[in-house]
Amino acid sequence: MSKGISNTSRTLEYIRSQGWEAGKVEQFNPYAGEFGKRKDLFGIFDIIAMGEDGIIGIQSCGQNFAEHDRTILNNPNSLTWIEKGGTILLIGWRKIKLRRGSKALRWAPRIKSYSVKDFK
């Protein structure tokens, strides 16, 4: 059974459609733990993107948005990244109805951008 496109792939496609150059920086270690383990860059980022507006570190997730939000806010590297001029985005994916009362669904991003104020 196919699981379909991953949240990271969906995010890469979305970010590139916005005109950014982007690449995956998350690593998978098949030897860690019983089933392997994913390791994010600096414990935060799955994707790094760059464009005219600078550099963005991106965490991609599904519907467990609040858990990933806490992870970003509790990681000291997040504030350092922002203080050094980087931007942090959390992009969560969920299916929403195309129209009210419709059964047709489409994937839509929920996006949160972080600033220094979020860490004070």
C-alpha atoms as a PDB file:
ATOM      1  CA  MET A   1       0.000   0.000   0.000  1.00  0.00           C
ATOM      2  CA  SER A   2       1.411   3.385  -1.022  1.00  0.00           C
ATOM      3  CA  LYS A   3       1.444   6.185   1.541  1.00  0.00           C
ATOM      4  CA  GLY A   4       1.513   8.923  -1.084  1.00  0.00           C
ATOM      5  CA  ILE A   5       3.645  12.048  -1.067  1.00  0.00           C
ATOM      6  CA  SER A   6       5.435  12.951   2.174  1.00  0.00           C
ATOM      7  CA  ASN A   7       4.922  16.239   3.999  1.00  0.00           C
ATOM      8  CA  THR A   8       8.535  17.155   3.262  1.00  0.00           C
ATOM      9  CA  SER A   9       8.067  16.550  -0.474  1.00  0.00           C
ATOM     10  CA  ARG A  10       4.816  18.508  -0.427  1.00  0.00           C
ATOM     11  CA  THR A  11       6.604  21.402   1.330  1.00  0.00           C
ATOM     12  CA  LEU A  12       9.522  21.347  -1.126  1.00  0.00           C
ATOM     13  CA  GLU A  13       7.088  21.542  -4.026  1.00  0.00           C
ATOM     14  CA  TYR A  14       5.202  24.420  -2.386  1.00  0.00           C
ATOM     15  CA  ILE A  15       8.339  26.434  -1.503  1.00  0.00           C
ATOM     16  CA  ARG A  16       9.777  26.001  -5.001  1.00  0.00           C
ATOM     17  CA  SER A  17       6.475  27.147  -6.509  1.00  0.00           C
ATOM     18  CA  GLN A  18       6.937  30.385  -4.534  1.00  0.00           C
ATOM     19  CA  GLY A  19      10.246  31.030  -6.338  1.00  0.00           C
ATOM     20  CA  TRP A  20      12.658  29.804  -3.665  1.00  0.00           C
ATOM     21  CA  GLU A  21      15.598  27.425  -4.157  1.00  0.00           C
ATOM     22  CA  ALA A  22      15.166  24.658  -1.597  1.00  0.00           C
ATOM     23  CA  GLY A  23      16.797  21.438  -0.461  1.00  0.00           C
ATOM     24  CA  LYS A  24      16.151  18.748   2.105  1.00  0.00           C
ATOM     25  CA  VAL A  25      18.562  18.713   5.064  1.00  0.00           C
ATOM     26  CA  GLU A  26      16.841  16.114   7.248  1.00  0.00           C
ATOM     27  CA  GLN A  27      18.823  12.868   7.530  1.00  0.00           C
ATOM     28  CA  PHE A  28      17.559   9.318   8.115  1.00  0.00           C
ATOM     29  CA  ASN A  29      19.714   6.958  10.178  1.00  0.00           C
ATOM     30  CA  PRO A  30      18.507   3.388   9.585  1.00  0.00           C
ATOM     31  CA  TYR A  31      20.695   2.091  12.435  1.00  0.00           C
ATOM     32  CA  ALA A  32      19.271   4.280  15.209  1.00  0.00           C
ATOM     33  CA  GLY A  33      16.613   2.520  17.225  1.00  0.00           C
ATOM     34  CA  GLU A  34      14.485  -0.379  16.138  1.00  0.00           C
ATOM     35  CA  PHE A  35      13.084   1.297  13.016  1.00  0.00           C
ATOM     36  CA  GLY A  36      15.655   4.018  12.330  1.00  0.00           C
ATOM     37  CA  LYS A  37      15.391   7.696  13.208  1.00  0.00           C
ATOM     38  CA  ARG A  38      15.145  11.015  11.394  1.00  0.00           C
ATOM     39  CA  LYS A  39      17.517  13.805  12.407  1.00  0.00           C
ATOM     40  CA  ASP A  40      16.720  17.419  11.614  1.00  0.00           C
ATOM     41  CA  LEU A  41      19.416  20.023  10.960  1.00  0.00           C
ATOM     42  CA  PHE A  42      20.129  21.775  14.295  1.00  0.00           C
ATOM     43  CA  GLY A  43      17.257  19.733  15.735  1.00  0.00           C
ATOM     44  CA  ILE A  44      14.797  21.982  13.884  1.00  0.00           C
ATOM     45  CA  PHE A  45      14.917  21.997  10.082  1.00  0.00           C
ATOM     46  CA  ASP A  46      13.827  19.536   7.420  1.00  0.00           C
ATOM     47  CA  ILE A  47      14.400  21.999   4.569  1.00  0.00           C
ATOM     48  CA  ILE A  48      16.580  25.046   3.898  1.00  0.00           C
ATOM     49  CA  ALA A  49      15.448  27.536   1.268  1.00  0.00           C
ATOM     50  CA  MET A  50      17.081  30.647  -0.136  1.00  0.00           C
ATOM     51  CA  GLY A  51      15.847  33.486  -2.256  1.00  0.00           C
ATOM     52  CA  GLU A  52      15.821  37.246  -2.671  1.00  0.00           C
ATOM     53  CA  ASP A  53      14.494  37.712   0.877  1.00  0.00           C
ATOM     54  CA  GLY A  54      17.263  35.688   2.537  1.00  0.00           C
ATOM     55  CA  ILE A  55      17.458  32.197   3.968  1.00  0.00           C
ATOM     56  CA  ILE A  56      14.649  30.187   5.539  1.00  0.00           C
ATOM     57  CA  GLY A  57      14.800  27.140   7.779  1.00  0.00           C
ATOM     58  CA  ILE A  58      11.626  25.096   7.433  1.00  0.00           C
ATOM     59  CA  GLN A  59      10.071  22.423   9.632  1.00  0.00           C
ATOM     60  CA  SER A  60       7.458  20.402   7.776  1.00  0.00           C
ATOM     61  CA  CYS A  61       4.733  18.358   9.447  1.00  0.00           C
ATOM     62  CA  GLY A  62       1.283  16.892   9.093  1.00  0.00           C
ATOM     63  CA  GLN A  63      -1.526  17.653  11.480  1.00  0.00           C
ATOM     64  CA  ASN A  64       0.602  17.542  14.667  1.00  0.00           C
ATOM     65  CA  PHE A  65       1.317  21.275  14.276  1.00  0.00           C
ATOM     66  CA  ALA A  66       1.295  22.140  18.008  1.00  0.00           C
ATOM     67  CA  GLU A  67       3.929  19.523  18.830  1.00  0.00           C
ATOM     68  CA  HIS A  68       6.295  20.859  16.149  1.00  0.00           C
ATOM     69  CA  ASP A  69       5.594  24.437  17.267  1.00  0.00           C
ATOM     70  CA  ARG A  70       6.691  23.535  20.828  1.00  0.00           C
ATOM     71  CA  THR A  71       9.823  21.833  19.479  1.00  0.00           C
ATOM     72  CA  ILE A  72      10.836  24.986  17.603  1.00  0.00           C
ATOM     73  CA  LEU A  73      10.074  27.272  20.549  1.00  0.00           C
ATOM     74  CA  ASN A  74      11.993  25.073  23.004  1.00  0.00           C
ATOM     75  CA  ASN A  75      15.118  24.717  20.861  1.00  0.00           C
ATOM     76  CA  PRO A  76      17.798  27.355  21.645  1.00  0.00           C
ATOM     77  CA  ASN A  77      19.084  27.077  18.060  1.00  0.00           C
ATOM     78  CA  SER A  78      15.819  28.632  16.849  1.00  0.00           C
ATOM     79  CA  LEU A  79      16.449  31.999  18.482  1.00  0.00           C
ATOM     80  CA  THR A  80      20.090  31.953  17.366  1.00  0.00           C
ATOM     81  CA  TRP A  81      18.974  31.288  13.765  1.00  0.00           C
ATOM     82  CA  ILE A  82      16.615  34.286  13.838  1.00  0.00           C
ATOM     83  CA  GLU A  83      19.140  36.574  15.561  1.00  0.00           C
ATOM     84  CA  LYS A  84      21.663  35.751  12.814  1.00  0.00           C
ATOM     85  CA  GLY A  85      19.189  36.897  10.150  1.00  0.00           C
ATOM     86  CA  GLY A  86      17.472  33.649   9.215  1.00  0.00           C
ATOM     87  CA  THR A  87      13.734  33.058   9.051  1.00  0.00           C
ATOM     88  CA  ILE A  88      11.926  30.035  10.480  1.00  0.00           C
ATOM     89  CA  LEU A  89       8.723  28.643   9.008  1.00  0.00           C
ATOM     90  CA  LEU A  90       6.600  25.790  10.285  1.00  0.00           C
ATOM     91  CA  ILE A  91       4.486  24.371   7.476  1.00  0.00           C
ATOM     92  CA  GLY A  92       1.826  21.851   8.436  1.00  0.00           C
ATOM     93  CA  TRP A  93      -0.311  20.017   5.882  1.00  0.00           C
ATOM     94  CA  ARG A  94      -3.957  19.052   6.225  1.00  0.00           C
ATOM     95  CA  LYS A  95      -6.812  18.178   3.938  1.00  0.00           C
ATOM     96  CA  ILE A  96      -9.565  20.768   3.693  1.00  0.00           C
ATOM     97  CA  LYS A  97     -12.833  20.751   1.798  1.00  0.00           C
ATOM     98  CA  LEU A  98     -12.815  22.513  -1.558  1.00  0.00           C
ATOM     99  CA  ARG A  99     -16.212  24.039  -0.838  1.00  0.00           C
ATOM    100  CA  ARG A 100     -18.559  24.104   2.104  1.00  0.00           C
ATOM    101  CA  GLY A 101     -20.694  20.964   2.073  1.00  0.00           C
ATOM    102  CA  SER A 102     -18.437  19.315  -0.508  1.00  0.00           C
ATOM    103  CA  LYS A 103     -16.810  15.927  -0.050  1.00  0.00           C
ATOM    104  CA  ALA A 104     -13.870  16.850  -2.287  1.00  0.00           C
ATOM    105  CA  LEU A 105     -10.674  17.500  -0.333  1.00  0.00           C
ATOM    106  CA  ARG A 106      -7.338  19.107  -1.170  1.00  0.00           C
ATOM    107  CA  TRP A 107      -4.064  19.509   0.685  1.00  0.00           C
ATOM    108  CA  ALA A 108      -3.530  22.977   2.132  1.00  0.00           C
ATOM    109  CA  PRO A 109      -0.600  24.389   4.110  1.00  0.00           C
ATOM    110  CA  ARG A 110      -0.860  25.984   7.526  1.00  0.00           C
ATOM    111  CA  ILE A 111       2.126  28.306   7.879  1.00  0.00           C
ATOM    112  CA  LYS A 112       3.631  29.940  10.950  1.00  0.00           C
ATOM    113  CA  SER A 113       6.564  32.345  10.775  1.00  0.00           C
ATOM    114  CA  TYR A 114       8.641  32.987  13.892  1.00  0.00           C
ATOM    115  CA  SER A 115      10.235  36.187  15.190  1.00  0.00           C
ATOM    116  CA  VAL A 116      12.387  37.124  18.198  1.00  0.00           C
ATOM    117  CA  LYS A 117       9.184  38.079  20.084  1.00  0.00           C
ATOM    118  CA  ASP A 118       8.062  34.419  20.033  1.00  0.00           C
ATOM    119  CA  PHE A 119      11.063  33.479  22.207  1.00  0.00           C
ATOM    120  CA  LYS A 120      10.921  36.256  24.820  1.00  0.00           C
END
